[in-house]
C-alpha atoms as a PDB file:
ATOM      1  CA  MET A   1    -145.197 -74.211 -65.654  1.00  0.00           C
ATOM      2  CA  VAL A   2    -142.469 -76.593 -66.852  1.00  0.00           C
ATOM      3  CA  LEU A   3    -139.797 -74.388 -65.286  1.00  0.00           C
ATOM      4  CA  ILE A   4    -141.576 -74.507 -61.931  1.00  0.00           C
ATOM      5  CA  ALA A   5    -141.757 -78.292 -62.198  1.00  0.00           C
ATOM      6  CA  LEU A   6    -138.059 -78.617 -63.026  1.00  0.00           C
ATOM      7  CA  VAL A   7    -136.660 -76.530 -60.150  1.00  0.00           C
ATOM      8  CA  GLN A   8    -136.928 -79.360 -57.602  1.00  0.00           C
ATOM      9  CA  PRO A   9    -135.225 -81.974 -59.820  1.00  0.00           C
ATOM     10  CA  VAL A  10    -132.433 -79.481 -60.548  1.00  0.00           C
ATOM     11  CA  LEU A  11    -131.966 -79.062 -56.779  1.00  0.00           C
ATOM     12  CA  LEU A  12    -131.668 -82.838 -56.472  1.00  0.00           C
ATOM     13  CA  ILE A  13    -129.079 -83.007 -59.250  1.00  0.00           C
ATOM     14  CA  LEU A  14    -127.037 -80.212 -57.647  1.00  0.00           C
ATOM     15  CA  PHE A  15    -127.293 -81.923 -54.254  1.00  0.00           C
ATOM     16  CA  LEU A  16    -126.164 -85.273 -55.670  1.00  0.00           C
ATOM     17  CA  ILE A  17    -123.246 -83.770 -57.591  1.00  0.00           C
ATOM     18  CA  ALA A  18    -122.090 -81.779 -54.552  1.00  0.00           C
ATOM     19  CA  SER A  19    -122.434 -84.860 -52.338  1.00  0.00           C
ATOM     20  CA  LEU A  20    -120.489 -87.044 -54.733  1.00  0.00           C
ATOM     21  CA  ILE A  21    -117.680 -84.497 -55.007  1.00  0.00           C
ATOM     22  CA  TRP A  22    -117.431 -83.014 -51.513  1.00  0.00           C
ATOM     23  CA  THR A  23    -118.844 -85.564 -49.047  1.00  0.00           C
ATOM     24  CA  GLY A  24    -117.184 -88.687 -50.363  1.00  0.00           C
ATOM     25  CA  GLY A  25    -120.299 -89.963 -52.088  1.00  0.00           C
ATOM     26  CA  GLN A  26    -122.521 -89.814 -48.998  1.00  0.00           C
ATOM     27  CA  VAL A  27    -126.047 -88.902 -50.078  1.00  0.00           C
ATOM     28  CA  LEU A  28    -128.045 -90.195 -47.088  1.00  0.00           C
ATOM     29  CA  ARG A  29    -127.744 -89.058 -43.476  1.00  0.00           C
ATOM     30  CA  ASP A  30    -127.272 -92.588 -42.077  1.00  0.00           C
ATOM     31  CA  GLN A  31    -124.888 -93.712 -44.831  1.00  0.00           C
ATOM     32  CA  SER A  32    -121.123 -93.852 -44.472  1.00  0.00           C
ATOM     33  CA  ALA A  33    -118.990 -92.205 -47.128  1.00  0.00           C
ATOM     34  CA  PRO A  34    -117.544 -94.705 -49.634  1.00  0.00           C
ATOM     35  CA  TYR A  35    -114.397 -92.584 -50.035  1.00  0.00           C
ATOM     36  CA  ASP A  36    -112.644 -89.702 -48.245  1.00  0.00           C
ATOM     37  CA  GLN A  37    -114.762 -86.682 -47.406  1.00  0.00           C
ATOM     38  CA  ILE A  38    -113.630 -83.147 -48.076  1.00  0.00           C
ATOM     39  CA  LEU A  39    -116.644 -81.607 -46.301  1.00  0.00           C
ATOM     40  CA  LEU A  40    -119.143 -83.070 -43.867  1.00  0.00           C
ATOM     41  CA  PHE A  41    -122.593 -84.209 -44.993  1.00  0.00           C
ATOM     42  CA  PRO A  42    -124.782 -82.421 -46.026  1.00  0.00           C
ATOM     43  CA  VAL A  43    -122.706 -79.975 -47.997  1.00  0.00           C
ATOM     44  CA  VAL A  44    -125.876 -78.483 -49.499  1.00  0.00           C
ATOM     45  CA  PRO A  45    -128.716 -78.881 -47.008  1.00  0.00           C
ATOM     46  CA  VAL A  46    -132.029 -78.429 -48.787  1.00  0.00           C
ATOM     47  CA  PRO A  47    -134.506 -77.089 -46.226  1.00  0.00           C
ATOM     48  CA  GLY A  48    -138.050 -78.390 -46.124  1.00  0.00           C
ATOM     49  CA  TRP A  49    -139.526 -74.905 -46.353  1.00  0.00           C
ATOM     50  CA  LEU A  50    -137.856 -74.407 -49.751  1.00  0.00           C
ATOM     51  CA  LEU A  51    -139.272 -77.658 -51.126  1.00  0.00           C
ATOM     52  CA  LEU A  52    -142.648 -76.785 -49.621  1.00  0.00           C
ATOM     53  CA  VAL A  53    -142.732 -73.370 -51.324  1.00  0.00           C
ATOM     54  CA  LEU A  54    -141.741 -74.923 -54.659  1.00  0.00           C
ATOM     55  CA  ALA A  55    -144.311 -77.705 -54.245  1.00  0.00           C
ATOM     56  CA  GLY A  56    -146.993 -75.147 -53.396  1.00  0.00           C
ATOM     57  CA  LEU A  57    -146.188 -73.115 -56.501  1.00  0.00           C
ATOM     58  CA  LEU A  58    -146.274 -76.308 -58.537  1.00  0.00           C
ATOM     59  CA  ALA A  59    -149.660 -77.365 -57.146  1.00  0.00           C
ATOM     60  CA  ILE A  60    -151.172 -73.930 -57.750  1.00  0.00           C
ATOM     61  CA  GLY A  61    -149.656 -73.733 -61.238  1.00  0.00           C
ATOM     62  CA  SER A  62    -150.888 -77.213 -62.074  1.00  0.00           C
ATOM     63  CA  ALA A  63    -154.440 -76.431 -60.975  1.00  0.00           C
ATOM     64  CA  VAL A  64    -154.541 -73.075 -62.775  1.00  0.00           C
ATOM     65  CA  TYR A  65    -153.077 -74.581 -65.947  1.00  0.00           C
ATOM     66  CA  CYS A  66    -155.572 -77.445 -65.993  1.00  0.00           C
ATOM     67  CA  VAL A  67    -158.580 -75.157 -65.518  1.00  0.00           C
ATOM     68  CA  GLY A  68    -157.855 -73.473 -68.838  1.00  0.00           C
ATOM     69  CA  THR A  69    -157.022 -76.545 -70.897  1.00  0.00           C
ATOM     70  CA  GLU A  70    -158.953 -77.884 -73.841  1.00  0.00           C
ATOM     71  CA  MET A  71    -158.862 -81.178 -75.688  1.00  0.00           C
ATOM     72  CA  LEU A  72    -156.207 -79.816 -78.054  1.00  0.00           C
ATOM     73  CA  ASP A  73    -153.890 -79.238 -75.065  1.00  0.00           C
ATOM     74  CA  ALA A  74    -153.788 -82.967 -74.251  1.00  0.00           C
ATOM     75  CA  ARG A  75    -150.203 -83.413 -75.456  1.00  0.00           C
ATOM     76  CA  SER A  76    -148.914 -80.558 -73.294  1.00  0.00           C
ATOM     77  CA  VAL A  77    -150.735 -81.939 -70.260  1.00  0.00           C
ATOM     78  CA  VAL A  78    -149.130 -85.343 -70.812  1.00  0.00           C
ATOM     79  CA  GLY A  79    -145.789 -83.600 -71.320  1.00  0.00           C
ATOM     80  CA  LEU A  80    -146.108 -81.943 -67.912  1.00  0.00           C
ATOM     81  CA  LEU A  81    -146.666 -85.246 -66.134  1.00  0.00           C
ATOM     82  CA  GLY A  82    -142.968 -86.154 -66.394  1.00  0.00           C
ATOM     83  CA  PRO A  83    -141.534 -83.006 -64.780  1.00  0.00           C
ATOM     84  CA  VAL A  84    -144.189 -83.034 -62.050  1.00  0.00           C
ATOM     85  CA  LEU A  85    -143.467 -86.696 -61.362  1.00  0.00           C
ATOM     86  CA  ALA A  86    -139.756 -85.828 -61.210  1.00  0.00           C
ATOM     87  CA  SER A  87    -140.608 -83.225 -58.557  1.00  0.00           C
ATOM     88  CA  CYS A  88    -142.430 -85.931 -56.585  1.00  0.00           C
ATOM     89  CA  VAL A  89    -139.399 -88.219 -56.792  1.00  0.00           C
ATOM     90  CA  THR A  90    -137.175 -85.349 -55.653  1.00  0.00           C
ATOM     91  CA  ALA A  91    -139.364 -84.641 -52.633  1.00  0.00           C
ATOM     92  CA  LEU A  92    -139.416 -88.356 -51.813  1.00  0.00           C
ATOM     93  CA  PHE A  93    -135.618 -88.505 -51.988  1.00  0.00           C
ATOM     94  CA  PHE A  94    -135.125 -85.502 -49.700  1.00  0.00           C
ATOM     95  CA  PHE A  95    -137.690 -86.909 -47.262  1.00  0.00           C
ATOM     96  CA  ALA A  96    -135.877 -90.261 -47.201  1.00  0.00           C
ATOM     97  CA  ALA A  97    -132.384 -88.731 -47.107  1.00  0.00           C
ATOM     98  CA  GLN A  98    -133.306 -86.339 -44.270  1.00  0.00           C
ATOM     99  CA  THR A  99    -130.717 -83.797 -45.389  1.00  0.00           C
ATOM    100  CA  VAL A 100    -132.204 -81.485 -42.768  1.00  0.00           C
ATOM    101  CA  GLU A 101    -132.803 -83.622 -39.697  1.00  0.00           C
ATOM    102  CA  ASP A 102    -136.371 -83.900 -38.331  1.00  0.00           C
ATOM    103  CA  ASP A 103    -137.922 -81.413 -40.761  1.00  0.00           C
ATOM    104  CA  PRO A 104    -141.682 -82.089 -41.069  1.00  0.00           C
ATOM    105  CA  ASN A 105    -141.887 -79.794 -44.095  1.00  0.00           C
ATOM    106  CA  LEU A 106    -140.148 -82.480 -46.168  1.00  0.00           C
ATOM    107  CA  LEU A 107    -143.139 -84.791 -45.770  1.00  0.00           C
ATOM    108  CA  VAL A 108    -145.607 -81.972 -46.404  1.00  0.00           C
ATOM    109  CA  ALA A 109    -143.703 -81.003 -49.574  1.00  0.00           C
ATOM    110  CA  LEU A 110    -143.931 -84.595 -50.782  1.00  0.00           C
ATOM    111  CA  ILE A 111    -147.690 -84.636 -50.192  1.00  0.00           C
ATOM    112  CA  VAL A 112    -148.170 -81.287 -51.956  1.00  0.00           C
ATOM    113  CA  ASP A 113    -146.114 -82.506 -54.936  1.00  0.00           C
ATOM    114  CA  VAL A 114    -148.341 -85.572 -55.211  1.00  0.00           C
ATOM    115  CA  VAL A 115    -151.393 -83.297 -55.019  1.00  0.00           C
ATOM    116  CA  ALA A 116    -149.961 -81.330 -57.976  1.00  0.00           C
ATOM    117  CA  LEU A 117    -150.233 -84.516 -60.055  1.00  0.00           C
ATOM    118  CA  ILE A 118    -153.977 -84.866 -59.476  1.00  0.00           C
ATOM    119  CA  PRO A 119    -155.280 -82.072 -61.768  1.00  0.00           C
ATOM    120  CA  LEU A 120    -152.880 -83.148 -64.519  1.00  0.00           C
ATOM    121  CA  ALA A 121    -153.960 -86.778 -64.250  1.00  0.00           C
ATOM    122  CA  ILE A 122    -157.646 -85.859 -64.288  1.00  0.00           C
ATOM    123  CA  THR A 123    -157.144 -83.572 -67.287  1.00  0.00           C
ATOM    124  CA  ALA A 124    -155.154 -86.238 -69.136  1.00  0.00           C
ATOM    125  CA  ILE A 125    -157.813 -88.873 -68.442  1.00  0.00           C
ATOM    126  CA  ARG A 126    -160.445 -86.445 -69.666  1.00  0.00           C
ATOM    127  CA  PHE A 127    -158.822 -85.231 -72.892  1.00  0.00           C
ATOM    128  CA  VAL A 128    -156.237 -87.751 -74.153  1.00  0.00           C
ATOM    129  CA  PRO A 129    -158.710 -90.407 -75.407  1.00  0.00           C
ATOM    130  CA  GLU A 130    -160.641 -87.842 -77.480  1.00  0.00           C
ATOM    131  CA  TYR A 131    -157.400 -86.324 -78.775  1.00  0.00           C
ATOM    132  CA  GLU A 132    -156.168 -89.773 -79.842  1.00  0.00           C
ATOM    133  CA  ARG A 133    -159.481 -90.598 -81.554  1.00  0.00           C
ATOM    134  CA  ARG A 134    -159.349 -87.352 -83.501  1.00  0.00           C
ATOM    135  CA  ARG A 135    -155.661 -87.848 -84.312  1.00  0.00           C
ATOM    136  CA  GLN A 136    -156.293 -91.335 -85.680  1.00  0.00           C
ATOM    137  CA  ALA A 137    -159.278 -90.073 -87.673  1.00  0.00           C
ATOM    138  CA  ASP A 138    -157.080 -87.221 -88.957  1.00  0.00           C
ATOM    139  CA  THR A 139    -159.613 -84.600 -87.854  1.00  0.00           C
ATOM    140  CA  LEU A 140    -157.293 -82.460 -85.730  1.00  0.00           C
ATOM    141  CA  PRO A 141    -156.803 -78.841 -86.822  1.00  0.00           C
ATOM    142  CA  GLU A 142    -153.715 -78.041 -88.849  1.00  0.00           C
ATOM    143  CA  GLY A 143    -150.544 -77.929 -86.768  1.00  0.00           C
ATOM    144  CA  TYR A 144    -151.578 -80.675 -84.345  1.00  0.00           C
ATOM    145  CA  VAL A 145    -150.193 -84.196 -84.559  1.00  0.00           C
END
């Protein structure tokens, strides 16, 4: 699940590095390059369909993961919030940057990424308070902190 959540942020990092090196630092379609370009923007166009597929896998994985969670899984659920939120930020960046001009899938991918946060947030709200109470009372099973 974490690997699925980290694919989109890795795409963003690769896009930014390639843009900084090859397109003279231009990372947005309507931005001028701060220094000389070697290649024209975008050097690595990230299509909306790719982000949409990754967001769909993330939303399905998030829902399936949360269905099987218990109170003792609260820490892992909270740990997944960061990578899923990073995927949302990635989708927002690609939607704003319009690396592929007029691609409606970029907006849909952003919406689906936000939807992937919902089961995790609900599960965290449901289990974290009880987990913390038991942790403070030192009544968690051995191996849990």
